[in-house]
């Protein structure tokens, strides 16, 4: 989704630390936070209050990207931090010393070649010169939010995308709708701003909307899923029964599916198979989906169905 979204909490906190340019050793304690370590051998878990304060600091810094009162030195620092680069790396890429890059960030010197610096920092030269956020593309990493703020922008973007989808009406097949929505995100300022801050965009695929991040994170191992929504509803009903164990719910699900005349390959035979699929759905809700993988999976699914019909 963005440079912050990671597969576990420790990596997520580490990404925020690097962006805020806090020292690794004792950075939370220096900032006035305390951590709660888990049991020996487990990943460290952070108190929700700690995460909330870190996310607030990240979002406060991210909001400066859209501010109209930023200076050139501040914009250089913001672009550098969003690229997670150091002054040494920037200096090597441009061919100057680290000290000179540091002086640019302090406002003690002005870069002589802003175009080259913009290329290295992967930002539009217009934004670097003027700070006009309208010049930033929808898929730019600058200004992306985290936590609750990211969710707010994602929800607002969903409403705008639904509105755009309604305006399109009956405009063709799914690929045409996807292309039109993608074009709208880049062409419509309101959509572009929300998509940039949310870290992705909404796409229409197989009758439903999916959030697709600009930078997809590595998803859990995909598993074959041949069962229908009706079967999933049965599973959900059985799991939701009071005082129901998972094993008992599974037995009840299998009995109901057999009573409906479903074949063995039309419902999951193992609990672990369902749990992996459930984990993928939770991941998709939190981080978004890889649309290319979904399209490939859909093609394979329809190919299997066609083969079953012809045999």
Protein backbone atom coordinates (compact mmCIF):
# COMPACT_ATOMS: atom_id res chain seq x y z
CA UNK A 1 0.00 0.00 0.00
CA UNK A 2 2.78 2.42 0.87
CA UNK A 3 6.25 2.55 2.31
CA UNK A 4 4.68 2.19 5.79
CA UNK A 5 2.42 -0.83 5.32
CA UNK A 6 4.23 -3.99 6.39
CA UNK A 7 3.33 -7.58 7.14
CA UNK A 8 3.89 -7.27 10.88
CA UNK A 9 3.74 -4.60 13.55
CA UNK A 10 7.49 -4.41 14.20
CA UNK A 11 8.28 -3.64 10.55
CA UNK A 12 5.42 -1.12 10.47
CA UNK A 13 6.84 0.75 13.49
CA UNK A 14 10.35 0.57 12.02
CA UNK A 15 9.15 2.17 8.76
CA UNK A 16 7.54 5.02 10.69
CA UNK A 17 10.72 5.47 12.74
CA UNK A 18 12.84 5.82 9.60
CA UNK A 19 10.39 8.30 8.10
CA UNK A 20 10.42 10.40 11.28
CA UNK A 21 14.23 10.09 11.32
CA UNK A 22 14.36 8.99 14.95
CA UNK A 23 17.38 7.17 16.32
CA UNK A 24 16.94 3.39 16.35
CA UNK A 25 18.27 2.86 19.84
CA UNK A 26 15.64 3.89 22.35
CA UNK A 27 13.72 6.03 19.87
CA UNK A 28 10.35 5.36 21.50
CA UNK A 29 11.66 6.19 24.95
CA UNK A 30 13.22 9.42 23.65
CA UNK A 31 9.87 10.40 22.20
CA UNK A 32 8.19 9.79 25.54
CA UNK A 33 6.64 6.42 24.64
CA UNK A 34 6.85 3.08 26.38
CA UNK A 35 6.70 -0.35 24.76
CA UNK A 36 5.27 -3.58 26.02
CA UNK A 37 7.38 -6.57 25.07
CA UNK A 38 5.69 -9.91 24.56
CA UNK A 39 6.90 -13.29 25.76
CA UNK A 40 10.42 -14.44 25.01
CA UNK A 41 10.80 -15.59 21.41
CA UNK A 42 7.82 -13.60 20.13
CA UNK A 43 7.71 -10.45 18.06
CA UNK A 44 7.58 -7.29 20.11
CA UNK A 45 4.08 -5.84 20.45
CA UNK A 46 3.42 -2.16 20.96
CA UNK A 47 0.75 -0.55 23.05
CA UNK A 48 -2.09 0.91 20.89
CA UNK A 49 -1.43 4.29 22.47
CA UNK A 50 2.19 4.13 21.24
CA UNK A 51 1.08 3.30 17.71
CA UNK A 52 -1.54 6.02 17.78
CA UNK A 53 1.00 8.67 18.77
CA UNK A 54 3.51 7.50 16.16
CA UNK A 55 0.84 7.50 13.46
CA UNK A 56 -0.24 11.00 14.51
CA UNK A 57 3.33 12.25 14.11
CA UNK A 58 3.64 10.60 10.69
CA UNK A 59 0.32 12.11 9.56
CA UNK A 60 1.30 15.53 10.88
CA UNK A 61 4.48 15.40 8.83
CA UNK A 62 2.61 14.02 5.80
CA UNK A 63 0.17 16.95 5.93
CA UNK A 64 3.08 19.33 5.30
CA UNK A 65 3.30 17.98 1.74
CA UNK A 66 -0.07 19.63 1.00
CA UNK A 67 0.65 22.84 2.91
CA UNK A 68 1.06 26.04 0.93
CA UNK A 69 3.63 27.56 3.29
CA UNK A 70 6.43 25.02 2.85
CA UNK A 71 9.90 26.15 1.84
CA UNK A 72 12.28 24.56 -0.65
CA UNK A 73 14.51 23.10 2.10
CA UNK A 74 11.49 21.54 3.82
CA UNK A 75 10.25 20.04 0.55
CA UNK A 76 13.69 18.56 -0.07
CA UNK A 77 13.61 16.96 3.38
CA UNK A 78 10.05 15.65 2.90
CA UNK A 79 10.87 14.10 -0.47
CA UNK A 80 14.06 12.59 0.97
CA UNK A 81 12.22 11.05 3.90
CA UNK A 82 9.43 9.62 1.74
CA UNK A 83 12.11 7.92 -0.36
CA UNK A 84 13.75 6.73 2.90
CA UNK A 85 17.04 8.09 1.54
CA UNK A 86 19.98 9.58 3.40
CA UNK A 87 21.98 12.68 2.53
CA UNK A 88 24.87 10.40 1.58
CA UNK A 89 22.73 8.47 -0.93
CA UNK A 90 21.37 11.67 -2.48
CA UNK A 91 24.87 13.13 -2.72
CA UNK A 92 26.22 10.03 -4.46
CA UNK A 93 23.33 10.00 -6.93
CA UNK A 94 23.84 13.65 -7.86
CA UNK A 95 27.62 13.76 -7.56
CA UNK A 96 28.00 16.14 -4.63
CA UNK A 97 29.08 15.82 -1.01
CA UNK A 98 26.85 14.80 1.87
CA UNK A 99 27.57 18.11 3.55
CA UNK A 100 26.24 20.06 0.58
CA UNK A 101 23.01 18.02 0.57
CA UNK A 102 22.67 18.68 4.31
CA UNK A 103 23.06 22.41 3.69
CA UNK A 104 20.30 22.24 1.06
CA UNK A 105 17.99 20.71 3.65
CA UNK A 106 18.94 23.40 6.16
CA UNK A 107 18.42 26.23 3.68
CA UNK A 108 22.05 27.32 3.89
CA UNK A 109 22.61 26.68 0.17
CA UNK A 110 20.31 26.41 -2.84
CA UNK A 111 20.63 23.50 -5.31
CA UNK A 112 21.92 24.60 -8.70
CA UNK A 113 20.28 21.74 -10.60
CA UNK A 114 16.74 21.24 -9.28
CA UNK A 115 15.77 19.06 -12.24
CA UNK A 116 18.41 16.45 -11.41
CA UNK A 117 17.54 16.61 -7.72
CA UNK A 118 13.83 16.10 -8.55
CA UNK A 119 14.68 12.99 -10.59
CA UNK A 120 16.72 11.53 -7.74
CA UNK A 121 13.94 12.26 -5.22
CA UNK A 122 11.29 10.98 -7.68
CA UNK A 123 9.11 14.11 -7.40
CA UNK A 124 7.77 16.61 -9.98
CA UNK A 125 10.12 19.55 -10.33
CA UNK A 126 7.09 21.87 -10.21
CA UNK A 127 6.20 20.70 -6.70
CA UNK A 128 9.82 20.97 -5.60
CA UNK A 129 9.96 24.57 -6.86
CA UNK A 130 6.54 25.83 -5.73
CA UNK A 131 5.07 23.28 -3.29
CA UNK A 132 1.80 23.09 -5.28
CA UNK A 133 0.29 19.72 -4.24
CA UNK A 134 -1.93 19.71 -7.35
CA UNK A 135 1.20 18.87 -9.35
CA UNK A 136 1.63 15.57 -7.50
CA UNK A 137 0.31 12.47 -9.30
CA UNK A 138 -2.22 10.13 -7.75
CA UNK A 139 0.39 7.36 -7.41
CA UNK A 140 2.99 9.61 -5.78
CA UNK A 141 4.14 8.42 -2.38
CA UNK A 142 4.28 11.98 -1.05
CA UNK A 143 1.64 12.76 1.55
CA UNK A 144 0.41 9.20 2.07
CA UNK A 145 -1.27 8.76 5.46
CA UNK A 146 -1.29 5.92 7.96
CA UNK A 147 -3.70 4.47 10.48
CA UNK A 148 -7.09 6.13 10.98
CA UNK A 149 -6.31 9.01 8.63
CA UNK A 150 -5.54 6.58 5.79
CA UNK A 151 -8.88 4.82 6.42
CA UNK A 152 -10.74 8.16 6.24
CA UNK A 153 -9.17 8.98 2.87
CA UNK A 154 -9.90 5.47 1.60
CA UNK A 155 -13.58 5.81 2.55
CA UNK A 156 -13.83 9.26 0.93
CA UNK A 157 -12.16 7.89 -2.18
CA UNK A 158 -14.65 5.02 -2.26
CA UNK A 159 -17.58 7.48 -2.28
CA UNK A 160 -16.00 9.52 -5.08
CA UNK A 161 -15.28 6.38 -7.09
CA UNK A 162 -18.85 5.13 -6.65
CA UNK A 163 -20.08 8.49 -7.87
CA UNK A 164 -17.82 8.28 -10.91
CA UNK A 165 -18.99 4.71 -11.54
CA UNK A 166 -22.60 5.91 -11.51
CA UNK A 167 -21.79 8.64 -14.01
CA UNK A 168 -20.24 6.10 -16.36
CA UNK A 169 -23.43 4.00 -16.54
CA UNK A 170 -23.42 1.07 -18.95
CA UNK A 171 -20.05 1.68 -20.58
CA UNK A 172 -18.88 -1.76 -21.61
CA UNK A 173 -17.07 -4.74 -20.15
CA UNK A 174 -15.06 -4.97 -16.92
CA UNK A 175 -11.73 -4.12 -18.57
CA UNK A 176 -13.21 -0.91 -19.99
CA UNK A 177 -14.61 0.06 -16.56
CA UNK A 178 -11.21 -0.59 -14.93
CA UNK A 179 -9.41 1.52 -17.52
CA UNK A 180 -11.95 4.35 -17.15
CA UNK A 181 -11.65 4.39 -13.36
CA UNK A 182 -7.85 4.36 -13.58
CA UNK A 183 -7.91 7.28 -16.00
CA UNK A 184 -10.37 9.19 -13.75
CA UNK A 185 -8.08 8.84 -10.73
CA UNK A 186 -5.24 10.57 -12.56
CA UNK A 187 -7.43 13.08 -14.42
CA UNK A 188 -9.75 14.22 -11.59
CA UNK A 189 -7.98 16.40 -8.94
CA UNK A 190 -10.30 15.34 -6.10
CA UNK A 191 -9.79 11.64 -6.85
CA UNK A 192 -6.04 12.07 -7.38
CA UNK A 193 -5.59 13.82 -4.03
CA UNK A 194 -7.53 11.18 -2.11
CA UNK A 195 -5.81 8.31 -3.93
CA UNK A 196 -2.38 9.77 -3.14
CA UNK A 197 -3.18 10.17 0.56
CA UNK A 198 -4.89 6.76 0.80
CA UNK A 199 -2.01 5.01 -0.96
CA UNK A 200 -4.13 3.37 -3.65
CA UNK A 201 -7.39 3.46 -5.61
CA UNK A 202 -10.66 1.55 -5.91
CA UNK A 203 -11.30 -0.74 -8.85
CA UNK A 204 -14.36 -2.59 -10.08
CA UNK A 205 -13.83 -6.31 -10.61
CA UNK A 206 -16.27 -9.18 -10.96
CA UNK A 207 -19.25 -7.19 -9.67
CA UNK A 208 -17.64 -5.63 -6.59
CA UNK A 209 -15.25 -2.86 -5.58
CA UNK A 210 -11.71 -3.63 -4.38
CA UNK A 211 -9.06 -1.33 -2.96
CA UNK A 212 -5.85 -1.68 -4.98
CA UNK A 213 -2.69 -0.17 -3.42
CA UNK A 214 -0.14 1.60 -5.60
CA UNK A 215 2.61 -0.44 -3.97
CA UNK A 216 1.16 -3.88 -3.15
CA UNK A 217 2.65 -5.64 -0.16
CA UNK A 218 3.55 -9.31 -0.30
CA UNK A 219 0.32 -11.20 0.25
CA UNK A 220 -0.15 -14.51 2.08
CA UNK A 221 0.18 -17.69 0.07
CA UNK A 222 -2.75 -18.01 -2.27
CA UNK A 223 -4.89 -21.11 -2.09
CA UNK A 224 -7.39 -22.69 -4.44
CA UNK A 225 -10.96 -21.53 -3.75
CA UNK A 226 -13.68 -23.35 -5.69
CA UNK A 227 -16.61 -22.99 -3.28
CA UNK A 228 -19.47 -20.56 -3.80
CA UNK A 229 -20.81 -17.67 -1.72
CA UNK A 230 -23.66 -19.93 -0.60
CA UNK A 231 -21.13 -22.34 0.95
CA UNK A 232 -19.31 -19.46 2.63
CA UNK A 233 -22.63 -18.29 4.10
CA UNK A 234 -23.16 -21.76 5.56
CA UNK A 235 -19.68 -21.67 7.11
CA UNK A 236 -20.31 -18.21 8.60
CA UNK A 237 -23.67 -19.32 10.03
CA UNK A 238 -22.18 -22.39 11.68
CA UNK A 239 -19.22 -20.50 13.13
CA UNK A 240 -21.56 -17.80 14.50
CA UNK A 241 -23.65 -20.26 16.54
CA UNK A 242 -23.28 -19.74 20.32
CA UNK A 243 -20.89 -22.13 22.08
CA UNK A 244 -19.98 -23.65 18.73
CA UNK A 245 -16.51 -25.14 18.30
CA UNK A 246 -14.67 -24.81 14.99
CA UNK A 247 -14.50 -28.59 14.53
CA UNK A 248 -18.23 -28.98 15.22
CA UNK A 249 -19.03 -26.09 12.86
CA UNK A 250 -16.99 -27.84 10.20
CA UNK A 251 -18.85 -31.09 10.64
CA UNK A 252 -22.19 -29.29 10.42
CA UNK A 253 -21.09 -27.42 7.32
CA UNK A 254 -20.12 -30.64 5.56
CA UNK A 255 -23.43 -32.29 6.46
CA UNK A 256 -25.43 -29.32 5.12
CA UNK A 257 -23.40 -29.22 1.90
CA UNK A 258 -23.90 -32.94 1.32
CA UNK A 259 -27.62 -32.53 1.99
CA UNK A 260 -27.72 -29.88 -0.73
CA UNK A 261 -26.17 -32.39 -3.13
CA UNK A 262 -22.87 -30.55 -3.48
CA UNK A 263 -19.82 -32.45 -4.67
CA UNK A 264 -16.68 -32.74 -2.54
CA UNK A 265 -14.76 -30.20 -4.63
CA UNK A 266 -17.55 -27.62 -4.15
CA UNK A 267 -16.86 -27.05 -0.46
CA UNK A 268 -13.60 -26.98 1.57
CA UNK A 269 -12.72 -30.35 3.08
CA UNK A 270 -10.11 -29.06 5.55
CA UNK A 271 -10.38 -26.38 8.21
CA UNK A 272 -6.86 -25.15 7.42
CA UNK A 273 -7.90 -24.48 3.81
CA UNK A 274 -10.74 -22.22 4.93
CA UNK A 275 -8.56 -20.46 7.48
CA UNK A 276 -5.97 -19.62 4.81
CA UNK A 277 -8.69 -18.19 2.58
CA UNK A 278 -10.10 -16.27 5.54
CA UNK A 279 -6.64 -14.86 6.24
CA UNK A 280 -6.42 -13.67 2.62
CA UNK A 281 -9.77 -11.86 2.93
CA UNK A 282 -8.70 -10.10 6.14
CA UNK A 283 -5.42 -9.13 4.44
CA UNK A 284 -7.31 -7.74 1.44
CA UNK A 285 -9.58 -5.64 3.66
CA UNK A 286 -6.61 -4.16 5.48
CA UNK A 287 -3.97 -3.73 2.76
CA UNK A 288 -5.94 -3.97 -0.50
CA UNK A 289 -5.58 -6.49 -3.31
CA UNK A 290 -3.18 -7.16 -6.17
CA UNK A 291 -5.50 -6.68 -9.15
CA UNK A 292 -3.19 -8.48 -11.58
CA UNK A 293 -3.19 -11.57 -9.36
CA UNK A 294 -6.99 -11.41 -9.08
CA UNK A 295 -7.37 -11.26 -12.86
CA UNK A 296 -5.00 -14.21 -13.31
CA UNK A 297 -6.84 -16.15 -10.61
CA UNK A 298 -10.20 -15.39 -12.27
CA UNK A 299 -8.92 -16.63 -15.63
CA UNK A 300 -7.70 -19.88 -14.04
CA UNK A 301 -11.00 -20.31 -12.22
CA UNK A 302 -13.07 -19.88 -15.40
CA UNK A 303 -10.69 -22.22 -17.26
CA UNK A 304 -11.18 -24.93 -14.62
CA UNK A 305 -14.96 -24.47 -14.75
CA UNK A 306 -14.91 -24.75 -18.55
CA UNK A 307 -12.85 -27.95 -18.38
CA UNK A 308 -15.24 -29.47 -15.84
CA UNK A 309 -18.20 -28.74 -18.12
CA UNK A 310 -16.54 -30.27 -21.18
CA UNK A 311 -15.41 -33.47 -19.41
